[in-house]
C-alpha atoms as a PDB file:
ATOM      1  CA  UNK A   1      -9.559   6.863   2.678  1.00  0.00           C
ATOM      2  CA  UNK A   2     -13.286   7.329   1.834  1.00  0.00           C
ATOM      3  CA  UNK A   3     -14.160   7.880  -1.685  1.00  0.00           C
ATOM      4  CA  UNK A   4     -15.469  11.398  -1.204  1.00  0.00           C
ATOM      5  CA  UNK A   5     -12.091  12.466   0.433  1.00  0.00           C
ATOM      6  CA  UNK A   6     -10.110  10.470  -2.377  1.00  0.00           C
ATOM      7  CA  UNK A   7     -12.026  12.261  -4.942  1.00  0.00           C
ATOM      8  CA  UNK A   8     -11.644  15.735  -3.276  1.00  0.00           C
ATOM      9  CA  UNK A   9      -7.821  15.078  -3.097  1.00  0.00           C
ATOM     10  CA  UNK A  10      -7.753  13.856  -6.943  1.00  0.00           C
ATOM     11  CA  UNK A  11      -9.542  17.032  -7.912  1.00  0.00           C
ATOM     12  CA  UNK A  12      -7.275  19.477  -5.931  1.00  0.00           C
ATOM     13  CA  UNK A  13      -4.047  18.063  -7.074  1.00  0.00           C
ATOM     14  CA  UNK A  14      -4.606  16.625 -10.597  1.00  0.00           C
ATOM     15  CA  UNK A  15      -6.826  19.054 -12.612  1.00  0.00           C
ATOM     16  CA  UNK A  16      -6.684  19.752 -16.299  1.00  0.00           C
ATOM     17  CA  UNK A  17      -3.782  22.414 -15.640  1.00  0.00           C
ATOM     18  CA  UNK A  18      -1.758  19.945 -13.709  1.00  0.00           C
ATOM     19  CA  UNK A  19      -2.494  17.104 -16.354  1.00  0.00           C
ATOM     20  CA  UNK A  20      -1.217  19.431 -19.210  1.00  0.00           C
ATOM     21  CA  UNK A  21       2.101  20.293 -17.131  1.00  0.00           C
ATOM     22  CA  UNK A  22       2.874  16.665 -16.621  1.00  0.00           C
ATOM     23  CA  UNK A  23       2.232  15.853 -20.209  1.00  0.00           C
ATOM     24  CA  UNK A  24       4.592  18.717 -21.253  1.00  0.00           C
ATOM     25  CA  UNK A  25       7.451  17.103 -18.742  1.00  0.00           C
ATOM     26  CA  UNK A  26       7.068  13.757 -20.184  1.00  0.00           C
ATOM     27  CA  UNK A  27       7.526  14.928 -23.689  1.00  0.00           C
ATOM     28  CA  UNK A  28      10.369  17.211 -22.941  1.00  0.00           C
ATOM     29  CA  UNK A  29      12.088  14.446 -21.061  1.00  0.00           C
ATOM     30  CA  UNK A  30      11.273  11.617 -23.509  1.00  0.00           C
ATOM     31  CA  UNK A  31      10.419  13.225 -27.029  1.00  0.00           C
ATOM     32  CA  UNK A  32      10.903   9.559 -28.736  1.00  0.00           C
ATOM     33  CA  UNK A  33       7.677   8.597 -26.980  1.00  0.00           C
ATOM     34  CA  UNK A  34       4.439   8.630 -29.178  1.00  0.00           C
ATOM     35  CA  UNK A  35       0.957   9.456 -28.248  1.00  0.00           C
ATOM     36  CA  UNK A  36       1.630  10.982 -24.731  1.00  0.00           C
ATOM     37  CA  UNK A  37      -1.856  13.278 -24.864  1.00  0.00           C
ATOM     38  CA  UNK A  38      -4.262  13.031 -23.929  1.00  0.00           C
ATOM     39  CA  UNK A  39      -3.211  11.928 -20.433  1.00  0.00           C
ATOM     40  CA  UNK A  40      -5.601  10.269 -18.093  1.00  0.00           C
ATOM     41  CA  UNK A  41      -5.397  10.580 -14.329  1.00  0.00           C
ATOM     42  CA  UNK A  42      -5.180   6.947 -12.751  1.00  0.00           C
ATOM     43  CA  UNK A  43      -4.712   8.068  -8.994  1.00  0.00           C
ATOM     44  CA  UNK A  44      -3.721  10.713  -6.768  1.00  0.00           C
ATOM     45  CA  UNK A  45      -2.973  11.394  -3.009  1.00  0.00           C
ATOM     46  CA  UNK A  46      -0.881  13.519  -1.062  1.00  0.00           C
ATOM     47  CA  UNK A  47       2.382  11.399  -1.850  1.00  0.00           C
ATOM     48  CA  UNK A  48       2.039  10.819  -5.753  1.00  0.00           C
ATOM     49  CA  UNK A  49      -0.111  11.643  -8.955  1.00  0.00           C
ATOM     50  CA  UNK A  50      -0.082   8.663 -11.424  1.00  0.00           C
ATOM     51  CA  UNK A  51      -1.270   9.191 -14.840  1.00  0.00           C
ATOM     52  CA  UNK A  52      -1.408   7.112 -18.299  1.00  0.00           C
ATOM     53  CA  UNK A  53      -0.407   8.270 -21.614  1.00  0.00           C
ATOM     54  CA  UNK A  54      -2.675   7.460 -24.825  1.00  0.00           C
ATOM     55  CA  UNK A  55       0.182   5.071 -25.739  1.00  0.00           C
ATOM     56  CA  UNK A  56      -0.527   3.046 -22.570  1.00  0.00           C
ATOM     57  CA  UNK A  57       2.550   4.231 -20.701  1.00  0.00           C
ATOM     58  CA  UNK A  58       2.214   4.833 -16.992  1.00  0.00           C
ATOM     59  CA  UNK A  59       4.123   7.887 -15.274  1.00  0.00           C
ATOM     60  CA  UNK A  60       4.251   8.362 -11.613  1.00  0.00           C
ATOM     61  CA  UNK A  61       4.912  12.067 -10.411  1.00  0.00           C
ATOM     62  CA  UNK A  62       6.170  11.895  -6.441  1.00  0.00           C
ATOM     63  CA  UNK A  63       4.513  14.830  -4.575  1.00  0.00           C
ATOM     64  CA  UNK A  64       6.756  14.504  -1.382  1.00  0.00           C
ATOM     65  CA  UNK A  65      10.480  13.826  -0.796  1.00  0.00           C
ATOM     66  CA  UNK A  66       9.543  10.658   0.743  1.00  0.00           C
ATOM     67  CA  UNK A  67       7.687   9.453  -2.201  1.00  0.00           C
ATOM     68  CA  UNK A  68      10.500  10.370  -4.502  1.00  0.00           C
ATOM     69  CA  UNK A  69      12.893   8.138  -2.273  1.00  0.00           C
ATOM     70  CA  UNK A  70      10.329   5.369  -2.601  1.00  0.00           C
ATOM     71  CA  UNK A  71      10.192   5.448  -6.221  1.00  0.00           C
ATOM     72  CA  UNK A  72      14.089   5.331  -6.450  1.00  0.00           C
ATOM     73  CA  UNK A  73      13.942   2.402  -3.989  1.00  0.00           C
ATOM     74  CA  UNK A  74      11.598   0.718  -6.352  1.00  0.00           C
ATOM     75  CA  UNK A  75      13.720   1.298  -9.384  1.00  0.00           C
ATOM     76  CA  UNK A  76      16.470  -0.424  -7.647  1.00  0.00           C
ATOM     77  CA  UNK A  77      14.390  -3.427  -6.290  1.00  0.00           C
ATOM     78  CA  UNK A  78      12.130  -4.258  -9.000  1.00  0.00           C
ATOM     79  CA  UNK A  79      14.448  -5.254 -11.887  1.00  0.00           C
ATOM     80  CA  UNK A  80      15.704  -7.971  -9.196  1.00  0.00           C
ATOM     81  CA  UNK A  81      12.180  -8.984  -8.241  1.00  0.00           C
ATOM     82  CA  UNK A  82      11.015  -9.672 -11.566  1.00  0.00           C
ATOM     83  CA  UNK A  83      11.149 -13.395 -12.102  1.00  0.00           C
ATOM     84  CA  UNK A  84      11.418 -14.146  -8.437  1.00  0.00           C
ATOM     85  CA  UNK A  85       7.575 -13.636  -8.293  1.00  0.00           C
ATOM     86  CA  UNK A  86       5.101 -15.021 -10.737  1.00  0.00           C
ATOM     87  CA  UNK A  87       3.150 -12.007 -11.555  1.00  0.00           C
ATOM     88  CA  UNK A  88       4.668  -9.079 -13.645  1.00  0.00           C
ATOM     89  CA  UNK A  89       5.966  -6.042 -11.439  1.00  0.00           C
ATOM     90  CA  UNK A  90       6.352  -2.451 -12.669  1.00  0.00           C
ATOM     91  CA  UNK A  91       9.848  -2.276 -13.601  1.00  0.00           C
ATOM     92  CA  UNK A  92      10.613   1.509 -14.673  1.00  0.00           C
ATOM     93  CA  UNK A  93      11.534   2.043 -18.159  1.00  0.00           C
ATOM     94  CA  UNK A  94      11.677   5.692 -18.239  1.00  0.00           C
ATOM     95  CA  UNK A  95      13.280   7.944 -15.453  1.00  0.00           C
ATOM     96  CA  UNK A  96      13.677  11.791 -15.265  1.00  0.00           C
ATOM     97  CA  UNK A  97      15.511  13.915 -12.860  1.00  0.00           C
ATOM     98  CA  UNK A  98      14.452  17.186 -11.140  1.00  0.00           C
ATOM     99  CA  UNK A  99      13.442  20.113 -13.407  1.00  0.00           C
ATOM    100  CA  UNK A 100      11.853  23.372 -12.532  1.00  0.00           C
ATOM    101  CA  UNK A 101       8.486  22.229 -13.596  1.00  0.00           C
ATOM    102  CA  UNK A 102       8.806  18.730 -11.812  1.00  0.00           C
ATOM    103  CA  UNK A 103      11.270  19.126  -8.858  1.00  0.00           C
ATOM    104  CA  UNK A 104      11.084  15.626  -7.400  1.00  0.00           C
ATOM    105  CA  UNK A 105      11.618  13.963 -10.952  1.00  0.00           C
ATOM    106  CA  UNK A 106       9.382  11.122 -12.251  1.00  0.00           C
ATOM    107  CA  UNK A 107       9.448   7.700 -13.676  1.00  0.00           C
ATOM    108  CA  UNK A 108       7.234   5.461 -15.980  1.00  0.00           C
ATOM    109  CA  UNK A 109       6.787   1.854 -16.982  1.00  0.00           C
ATOM    110  CA  UNK A 110       4.875   0.003 -19.590  1.00  0.00           C
ATOM    111  CA  UNK A 111       0.899  -0.542 -18.481  1.00  0.00           C
ATOM    112  CA  UNK A 112       0.640  -3.721 -16.376  1.00  0.00           C
ATOM    113  CA  UNK A 113      -1.558  -6.465 -17.709  1.00  0.00           C
ATOM    114  CA  UNK A 114      -4.924  -7.137 -15.754  1.00  0.00           C
ATOM    115  CA  UNK A 115      -7.475  -4.932 -14.034  1.00  0.00           C
ATOM    116  CA  UNK A 116      -7.518  -4.122 -10.064  1.00  0.00           C
ATOM    117  CA  UNK A 117      -9.053  -6.410  -8.086  1.00  0.00           C
ATOM    118  CA  UNK A 118     -12.257  -5.536  -6.623  1.00  0.00           C
ATOM    119  CA  UNK A 119     -13.811  -7.002  -3.472  1.00  0.00           C
ATOM    120  CA  UNK A 120     -17.110  -7.437  -4.905  1.00  0.00           C
ATOM    121  CA  UNK A 121     -15.457  -9.646  -7.810  1.00  0.00           C
ATOM    122  CA  UNK A 122     -14.598 -12.420  -4.960  1.00  0.00           C
ATOM    123  CA  UNK A 123     -17.055 -14.777  -4.704  1.00  0.00           C
ATOM    124  CA  UNK A 124     -17.415 -18.681  -4.093  1.00  0.00           C
ATOM    125  CA  UNK A 125     -16.581 -19.758  -7.501  1.00  0.00           C
ATOM    126  CA  UNK A 126     -13.421 -18.231  -7.729  1.00  0.00           C
ATOM    127  CA  UNK A 127     -12.283 -17.379  -4.033  1.00  0.00           C
ATOM    128  CA  UNK A 128      -9.947 -20.450  -3.524  1.00  0.00           C
ATOM    129  CA  UNK A 129      -8.173 -20.084  -6.882  1.00  0.00           C
ATOM    130  CA  UNK A 130      -7.727 -16.691  -6.080  1.00  0.00           C
ATOM    131  CA  UNK A 131      -6.457 -16.985  -2.844  1.00  0.00           C
ATOM    132  CA  UNK A 132      -3.760 -19.704  -4.008  1.00  0.00           C
ATOM    133  CA  UNK A 133      -2.635 -17.199  -6.672  1.00  0.00           C
ATOM    134  CA  UNK A 134      -2.026 -14.595  -3.976  1.00  0.00           C
ATOM    135  CA  UNK A 135      -0.353 -16.819  -1.591  1.00  0.00           C
ATOM    136  CA  UNK A 136       2.018 -17.939  -4.274  1.00  0.00           C
ATOM    137  CA  UNK A 137       2.932 -14.404  -4.866  1.00  0.00           C
ATOM    138  CA  UNK A 138       3.438 -13.838  -1.375  1.00  0.00           C
ATOM    139  CA  UNK A 139       5.407 -16.845  -0.792  1.00  0.00           C
ATOM    140  CA  UNK A 140       7.799 -15.692  -3.771  1.00  0.00           C
ATOM    141  CA  UNK A 141       8.176 -12.192  -2.275  1.00  0.00           C
ATOM    142  CA  UNK A 142       8.750 -13.159   1.395  1.00  0.00           C
ATOM    143  CA  UNK A 143      11.457 -15.589   0.181  1.00  0.00           C
ATOM    144  CA  UNK A 144      13.379 -12.830  -1.239  1.00  0.00           C
ATOM    145  CA  UNK A 145      16.996 -12.641  -0.062  1.00  0.00           C
ATOM    146  CA  UNK A 146      17.167  -9.987   2.493  1.00  0.00           C
ATOM    147  CA  UNK A 147      20.854  -9.498   2.164  1.00  0.00           C
ATOM    148  CA  UNK A 148      20.452  -8.699  -1.411  1.00  0.00           C
ATOM    149  CA  UNK A 149      17.451  -6.446  -0.495  1.00  0.00           C
ATOM    150  CA  UNK A 150      19.604  -4.688   1.888  1.00  0.00           C
ATOM    151  CA  UNK A 151      22.401  -4.429  -0.889  1.00  0.00           C
ATOM    152  CA  UNK A 152      19.833  -2.527  -2.906  1.00  0.00           C
ATOM    153  CA  UNK A 153      19.137   0.073  -0.127  1.00  0.00           C
ATOM    154  CA  UNK A 154      15.644  -1.490   0.965  1.00  0.00           C
ATOM    155  CA  UNK A 155      15.129  -0.601   4.621  1.00  0.00           C
ATOM    156  CA  UNK A 156      16.157  -3.525   6.811  1.00  0.00           C
ATOM    157  CA  UNK A 157      14.414  -4.958   9.945  1.00  0.00           C
ATOM    158  CA  UNK A 158      15.990  -2.720  12.387  1.00  0.00           C
ATOM    159  CA  UNK A 159      14.007   0.188  10.833  1.00  0.00           C
ATOM    160  CA  UNK A 160      10.579  -1.535  11.305  1.00  0.00           C
ATOM    161  CA  UNK A 161       9.778  -0.462  14.876  1.00  0.00           C
ATOM    162  CA  UNK A 162      11.271   3.017  14.701  1.00  0.00           C
ATOM    163  CA  UNK A 163       9.107   3.234  11.488  1.00  0.00           C
ATOM    164  CA  UNK A 164       5.876   2.963  13.681  1.00  0.00           C
ATOM    165  CA  UNK A 165       7.249   5.111  16.312  1.00  0.00           C
ATOM    166  CA  UNK A 166       7.790   8.102  13.617  1.00  0.00           C
ATOM    167  CA  UNK A 167       4.209   7.294  12.364  1.00  0.00           C
ATOM    168  CA  UNK A 168       2.701   7.761  15.775  1.00  0.00           C
ATOM    169  CA  UNK A 169       4.278  10.983  16.469  1.00  0.00           C
ATOM    170  CA  UNK A 170       3.330  12.402  12.686  1.00  0.00           C
ATOM    171  CA  UNK A 171      -0.246  10.949  12.733  1.00  0.00           C
ATOM    172  CA  UNK A 172      -1.083  12.063  16.434  1.00  0.00           C
ATOM    173  CA  UNK A 173       0.255  15.332  15.680  1.00  0.00           C
ATOM    174  CA  UNK A 174      -1.571  15.514  12.534  1.00  0.00           C
ATOM    175  CA  UNK A 175      -4.858  14.810  14.468  1.00  0.00           C
ATOM    176  CA  UNK A 176      -4.781  17.700  17.183  1.00  0.00           C
ATOM    177  CA  UNK A 177      -7.725  19.829  16.684  1.00  0.00           C
ATOM    178  CA  UNK A 178      -9.561  17.121  14.454  1.00  0.00           C
ATOM    179  CA  UNK A 179     -10.330  14.663  17.245  1.00  0.00           C
ATOM    180  CA  UNK A 180     -12.056  15.268  20.792  1.00  0.00           C
ATOM    181  CA  UNK A 181      -9.469  15.164  23.605  1.00  0.00           C
ATOM    182  CA  UNK A 182     -10.974  11.843  24.739  1.00  0.00           C
ATOM    183  CA  UNK A 183     -10.477  10.359  21.371  1.00  0.00           C
ATOM    184  CA  UNK A 184      -6.800  11.593  21.157  1.00  0.00           C
ATOM    185  CA  UNK A 185      -6.341   9.942  24.859  1.00  0.00           C
ATOM    186  CA  UNK A 186      -7.763   6.423  23.652  1.00  0.00           C
ATOM    187  CA  UNK A 187      -5.474   6.717  20.398  1.00  0.00           C
ATOM    188  CA  UNK A 188      -2.453   7.456  22.526  1.00  0.00           C
ATOM    189  CA  UNK A 189      -3.241   4.743  25.112  1.00  0.00           C
ATOM    190  CA  UNK A 190      -3.487   2.168  21.986  1.00  0.00           C
ATOM    191  CA  UNK A 191      -0.357   3.313  20.658  1.00  0.00           C
ATOM    192  CA  UNK A 192       1.575   3.083  23.955  1.00  0.00           C
ATOM    193  CA  UNK A 193       0.171  -0.546  24.153  1.00  0.00           C
ATOM    194  CA  UNK A 194       0.997  -1.372  20.651  1.00  0.00           C
ATOM    195  CA  UNK A 195       4.747  -0.266  20.831  1.00  0.00           C
ATOM    196  CA  UNK A 196       5.403  -1.634  24.173  1.00  0.00           C
ATOM    197  CA  UNK A 197       4.150  -5.240  23.409  1.00  0.00           C
ATOM    198  CA  UNK A 198       7.036  -7.174  22.345  1.00  0.00           C
ATOM    199  CA  UNK A 199       4.653  -9.963  20.562  1.00  0.00           C
ATOM    200  CA  UNK A 200       4.372  -7.264  17.918  1.00  0.00           C
ATOM    201  CA  UNK A 201       8.185  -7.043  17.351  1.00  0.00           C
ATOM    202  CA  UNK A 202       9.231 -10.686  17.629  1.00  0.00           C
ATOM    203  CA  UNK A 203       9.043 -12.172  14.246  1.00  0.00           C
ATOM    204  CA  UNK A 204      11.247 -13.660  11.308  1.00  0.00           C
ATOM    205  CA  UNK A 205      11.854 -10.736   8.986  1.00  0.00           C
ATOM    206  CA  UNK A 206      10.706 -10.954   5.369  1.00  0.00           C
ATOM    207  CA  UNK A 207      10.628  -8.742   2.476  1.00  0.00           C
ATOM    208  CA  UNK A 208       7.129  -7.350   2.541  1.00  0.00           C
ATOM    209  CA  UNK A 209       5.125  -5.410  -0.138  1.00  0.00           C
ATOM    210  CA  UNK A 210       4.079  -3.145   2.853  1.00  0.00           C
ATOM    211  CA  UNK A 211       0.899  -1.679   1.166  1.00  0.00           C
ATOM    212  CA  UNK A 212      -0.891  -4.616  -0.322  1.00  0.00           C
ATOM    213  CA  UNK A 213      -4.652  -4.125  -1.029  1.00  0.00           C
ATOM    214  CA  UNK A 214      -6.855  -5.185  -3.447  1.00  0.00           C
ATOM    215  CA  UNK A 215      -6.177  -2.369  -6.047  1.00  0.00           C
ATOM    216  CA  UNK A 216      -2.700  -3.353  -6.163  1.00  0.00           C
ATOM    217  CA  UNK A 217      -3.299  -6.769  -7.331  1.00  0.00           C
ATOM    218  CA  UNK A 218      -4.293  -7.025 -11.036  1.00  0.00           C
ATOM    219  CA  UNK A 219      -6.123  -9.976 -12.199  1.00  0.00           C
ATOM    220  CA  UNK A 220      -7.849 -11.483 -15.378  1.00  0.00           C
ATOM    221  CA  UNK A 221     -11.253 -10.983 -16.361  1.00  0.00           C
ATOM    222  CA  UNK A 222     -12.487 -13.798 -14.156  1.00  0.00           C
ATOM    223  CA  UNK A 223     -10.608 -12.497 -11.079  1.00  0.00           C
ATOM    224  CA  UNK A 224      -8.852 -15.952 -10.883  1.00  0.00           C
ATOM    225  CA  UNK A 225      -5.164 -15.326 -11.957  1.00  0.00           C
ATOM    226  CA  UNK A 226      -2.984 -12.828 -10.610  1.00  0.00           C
ATOM    227  CA  UNK A 227      -1.257 -11.115 -13.507  1.00  0.00           C
ATOM    228  CA  UNK A 228       0.490  -8.417 -11.828  1.00  0.00           C
ATOM    229  CA  UNK A 229       1.009  -6.632  -8.473  1.00  0.00           C
ATOM    230  CA  UNK A 230       1.844  -2.768  -8.313  1.00  0.00           C
ATOM    231  CA  UNK A 231       2.926  -0.190  -5.996  1.00  0.00           C
ATOM    232  CA  UNK A 232       5.931  -1.429  -4.134  1.00  0.00           C
ATOM    233  CA  UNK A 233       7.023   1.893  -2.602  1.00  0.00           C
ATOM    234  CA  UNK A 234       6.534   0.568   0.783  1.00  0.00           C
ATOM    235  CA  UNK A 235       8.644  -2.757   0.211  1.00  0.00           C
ATOM    236  CA  UNK A 236      11.134  -3.156   3.184  1.00  0.00           C
ATOM    237  CA  UNK A 237      12.249  -6.070   5.629  1.00  0.00           C
ATOM    238  CA  UNK A 238       9.740  -6.444   8.311  1.00  0.00           C
ATOM    239  CA  UNK A 239       6.759  -8.487   9.369  1.00  0.00           C
ATOM    240  CA  UNK A 240       5.005 -10.739   6.886  1.00  0.00           C
ATOM    241  CA  UNK A 241       1.847 -10.114   8.721  1.00  0.00           C
ATOM    242  CA  UNK A 242       1.423  -6.761   7.157  1.00  0.00           C
ATOM    243  CA  UNK A 243       0.678  -7.883   3.783  1.00  0.00           C
ATOM    244  CA  UNK A 244      -2.271  -9.941   5.128  1.00  0.00           C
ATOM    245  CA  UNK A 245      -3.476  -6.932   7.150  1.00  0.00           C
ATOM    246  CA  UNK A 246      -3.791  -5.048   3.910  1.00  0.00           C
ATOM    247  CA  UNK A 247      -6.170  -7.785   2.314  1.00  0.00           C
ATOM    248  CA  UNK A 248      -8.237  -8.076   5.371  1.00  0.00           C
ATOM    249  CA  UNK A 249      -9.117  -4.164   5.177  1.00  0.00           C
ATOM    250  CA  UNK A 250      -9.690  -4.346   1.319  1.00  0.00           C
ATOM    251  CA  UNK A 251     -10.778  -7.758   0.503  1.00  0.00           C
ATOM    252  CA  UNK A 252     -12.483  -8.812   3.704  1.00  0.00           C
ATOM    253  CA  UNK A 253     -11.478 -11.116   6.451  1.00  0.00           C
ATOM    254  CA  UNK A 254     -13.226 -14.269   5.235  1.00  0.00           C
ATOM    255  CA  UNK A 255     -11.314 -14.199   1.990  1.00  0.00           C
ATOM    256  CA  UNK A 256      -8.001 -13.206   3.471  1.00  0.00           C
ATOM    257  CA  UNK A 257      -8.407 -16.106   5.907  1.00  0.00           C
ATOM    258  CA  UNK A 258      -8.215 -18.339   2.795  1.00  0.00           C
ATOM    259  CA  UNK A 259      -5.096 -16.530   1.517  1.00  0.00           C
ATOM    260  CA  UNK A 260      -3.391 -17.105   4.954  1.00  0.00           C
ATOM    261  CA  UNK A 261      -4.364 -21.010   4.986  1.00  0.00           C
ATOM    262  CA  UNK A 262      -3.245 -21.349   1.364  1.00  0.00           C
ATOM    263  CA  UNK A 263      -0.024 -19.489   2.441  1.00  0.00           C
ATOM    264  CA  UNK A 264       0.554 -21.792   5.504  1.00  0.00           C
ATOM    265  CA  UNK A 265      -0.587 -24.894   3.374  1.00  0.00           C
ATOM    266  CA  UNK A 266       2.331 -24.224   1.115  1.00  0.00           C
ATOM    267  CA  UNK A 267       5.082 -23.762   3.597  1.00  0.00           C
ATOM    268  CA  UNK A 268       4.648 -20.096   4.603  1.00  0.00           C
ATOM    269  CA  UNK A 269       5.568 -19.301   8.277  1.00  0.00           C
ATOM    270  CA  UNK A 270       2.409 -18.683  10.394  1.00  0.00           C
ATOM    271  CA  UNK A 271       3.719 -18.268  13.976  1.00  0.00           C
ATOM    272  CA  UNK A 272       1.505 -18.184  17.053  1.00  0.00           C
ATOM    273  CA  UNK A 273       1.094 -14.556  17.436  1.00  0.00           C
ATOM    274  CA  UNK A 274       0.583 -14.138  13.644  1.00  0.00           C
ATOM    275  CA  UNK A 275      -3.141 -13.335  13.690  1.00  0.00           C
ATOM    276  CA  UNK A 276      -2.649 -10.865  16.591  1.00  0.00           C
ATOM    277  CA  UNK A 277      -0.071  -8.845  14.468  1.00  0.00           C
ATOM    278  CA  UNK A 278      -2.586  -8.919  11.333  1.00  0.00           C
ATOM    279  CA  UNK A 279      -5.118  -7.333  13.472  1.00  0.00           C
ATOM    280  CA  UNK A 280      -2.871  -4.730  15.144  1.00  0.00           C
ATOM    281  CA  UNK A 281      -1.075  -3.992  11.920  1.00  0.00           C
ATOM    282  CA  UNK A 282      -4.630  -3.411  10.304  1.00  0.00           C
ATOM    283  CA  UNK A 283      -5.503  -0.942  13.000  1.00  0.00           C
ATOM    284  CA  UNK A 284      -2.419   0.956  11.923  1.00  0.00           C
ATOM    285  CA  UNK A 285      -3.492   1.542   8.319  1.00  0.00           C
ATOM    286  CA  UNK A 286      -5.767   4.691   8.788  1.00  0.00           C
ATOM    287  CA  UNK A 287      -2.744   6.571  10.474  1.00  0.00           C
ATOM    288  CA  UNK A 288      -0.973   6.256   7.186  1.00  0.00           C
ATOM    289  CA  UNK A 289      -4.024   8.086   5.596  1.00  0.00           C
ATOM    290  CA  UNK A 290      -3.753  10.849   8.475  1.00  0.00           C
ATOM    291  CA  UNK A 291       0.184  11.159   7.793  1.00  0.00           C
ATOM    292  CA  UNK A 292      -0.296  11.145   3.826  1.00  0.00           C
ATOM    293  CA  UNK A 293      -3.124  14.014   3.954  1.00  0.00           C
ATOM    294  CA  UNK A 294      -2.070  17.146   2.480  1.00  0.00           C
ATOM    295  CA  UNK A 295      -5.504  19.193   2.634  1.00  0.00           C
ATOM    296  CA  UNK A 296      -8.485  19.590   4.941  1.00  0.00           C
ATOM    297  CA  UNK A 297     -10.618  17.101   2.819  1.00  0.00           C
ATOM    298  CA  UNK A 298      -8.158  14.425   3.028  1.00  0.00           C
ATOM    299  CA  UNK A 299      -7.641  15.027   6.596  1.00  0.00           C
ATOM    300  CA  UNK A 300     -11.396  14.643   7.328  1.00  0.00           C
ATOM    301  CA  UNK A 301     -11.604  11.596   5.340  1.00  0.00           C
ATOM    302  CA  UNK A 302      -8.945   9.848   7.467  1.00  0.00           C
ATOM    303  CA  UNK A 303     -10.582  10.860  10.771  1.00  0.00           C
ATOM    304  CA  UNK A 304     -13.836   9.454   9.556  1.00  0.00           C
ATOM    305  CA  UNK A 305     -12.007   6.264   9.004  1.00  0.00           C
ATOM    306  CA  UNK A 306     -10.546   6.305  12.336  1.00  0.00           C
ATOM    307  CA  UNK A 307     -14.010   7.064  14.051  1.00  0.00           C
ATOM    308  CA  UNK A 308     -15.556   4.175  12.043  1.00  0.00           C
ATOM    309  CA  UNK A 309     -12.690   1.655  12.883  1.00  0.00           C
ATOM    310  CA  UNK A 310     -12.283  -0.537  15.978  1.00  0.00           C
ATOM    311  CA  UNK A 311     -10.056   1.788  17.869  1.00  0.00           C
ATOM    312  CA  UNK A 312     -12.781   4.710  18.198  1.00  0.00           C
ATOM    313  CA  UNK A 313     -15.650   2.515  18.570  1.00  0.00           C
ATOM    314  CA  UNK A 314     -16.744   1.469  15.145  1.00  0.00           C
ATOM    315  CA  UNK A 315     -17.629  -2.394  14.467  1.00  0.00           C
ATOM    316  CA  UNK A 316     -15.325  -4.583  12.706  1.00  0.00           C
ATOM    317  CA  UNK A 317     -17.110  -6.493   9.828  1.00  0.00           C
ATOM    318  CA  UNK A 318     -18.195  -9.971  10.735  1.00  0.00           C
ATOM    319  CA  UNK A 319     -16.011 -12.841   9.420  1.00  0.00           C
ATOM    320  CA  UNK A 320     -14.749 -16.244  10.417  1.00  0.00           C
ATOM    321  CA  UNK A 321     -11.094 -17.217  11.342  1.00  0.00           C
ATOM    322  CA  UNK A 322      -9.112 -17.193  14.305  1.00  0.00           C
ATOM    323  CA  UNK A 323      -7.841 -13.541  14.162  1.00  0.00           C
ATOM    324  CA  UNK A 324     -11.593 -12.177  13.800  1.00  0.00           C
ATOM    325  CA  UNK A 325     -12.110 -11.937  17.659  1.00  0.00           C
ATOM    326  CA  UNK A 326     -13.737  -8.772  19.262  1.00  0.00           C
ATOM    327  CA  UNK A 327     -11.662  -5.888  18.279  1.00  0.00           C
ATOM    328  CA  UNK A 328      -9.067  -4.651  20.656  1.00  0.00           C
ATOM    329  CA  UNK A 329      -9.881  -1.452  22.198  1.00  0.00           C
ATOM    330  CA  UNK A 330      -7.572   1.067  23.818  1.00  0.00           C
END
């Protein structure tokens, strides 16, 4: 989502009145907590508003039923994931049910160490070490037992393709009236090809983060050590390529290629169609922004992201690596 669009969503969903309402909800549910106010806004989109208390506790307030279900899934999975991966993960310490003021409930955890990774902080002096750290996290995550994940109600591999079919329906429906007829036609043809190509659905299932981007990875001051990984609401059994697709879009393809190489060098499975799937799953990401859009500004930002991307004629950033060929066009 473009920065201006994100700022508009934050302003519309989490103004001073909303922060005050969230503070009251936290204090009512957890009177033992000190230093709740003043709250600071950490992020907001159509799915969730995240705030931080003065005492450094982080609370997430889902804005949709889907986001509430994702939080419940995180609460089941993350205690088991802690220790299975090296970095810290956000295990909920406080959970509140539905109230009149907060009908979808909310949850909170202690603030994680580190600061969000920024693409501009990656340079030749730290890129290799950081790539190895991210690869180690992904190896641990992708090695998590899928039977255990299923027992925790994490969506299984059978839900992988139907999830994309649902995304296609919802996103293309949300784009009517925002794109020209010819643009919608190109996107429909791309989705038809994507869903019908069996190479996109032939892989060894792994537990995936599902929305791994730079901001989800928390690093030390030198950006060489991964201290924590956040936001596991999209975790499910699926294609490991999706976690690298998120890195490409947020960290750049050059650095992401180093992560793939480190992952493969340490035993991660990289099959013959892996790079093809990274590219295609990366092209899907803007449709998620369309689905999450809850107002005109957010939808306009998502539309602009699509128009600037490879599916509607934008140029892909230059980079090296076998998966950086000319973008696929519908």
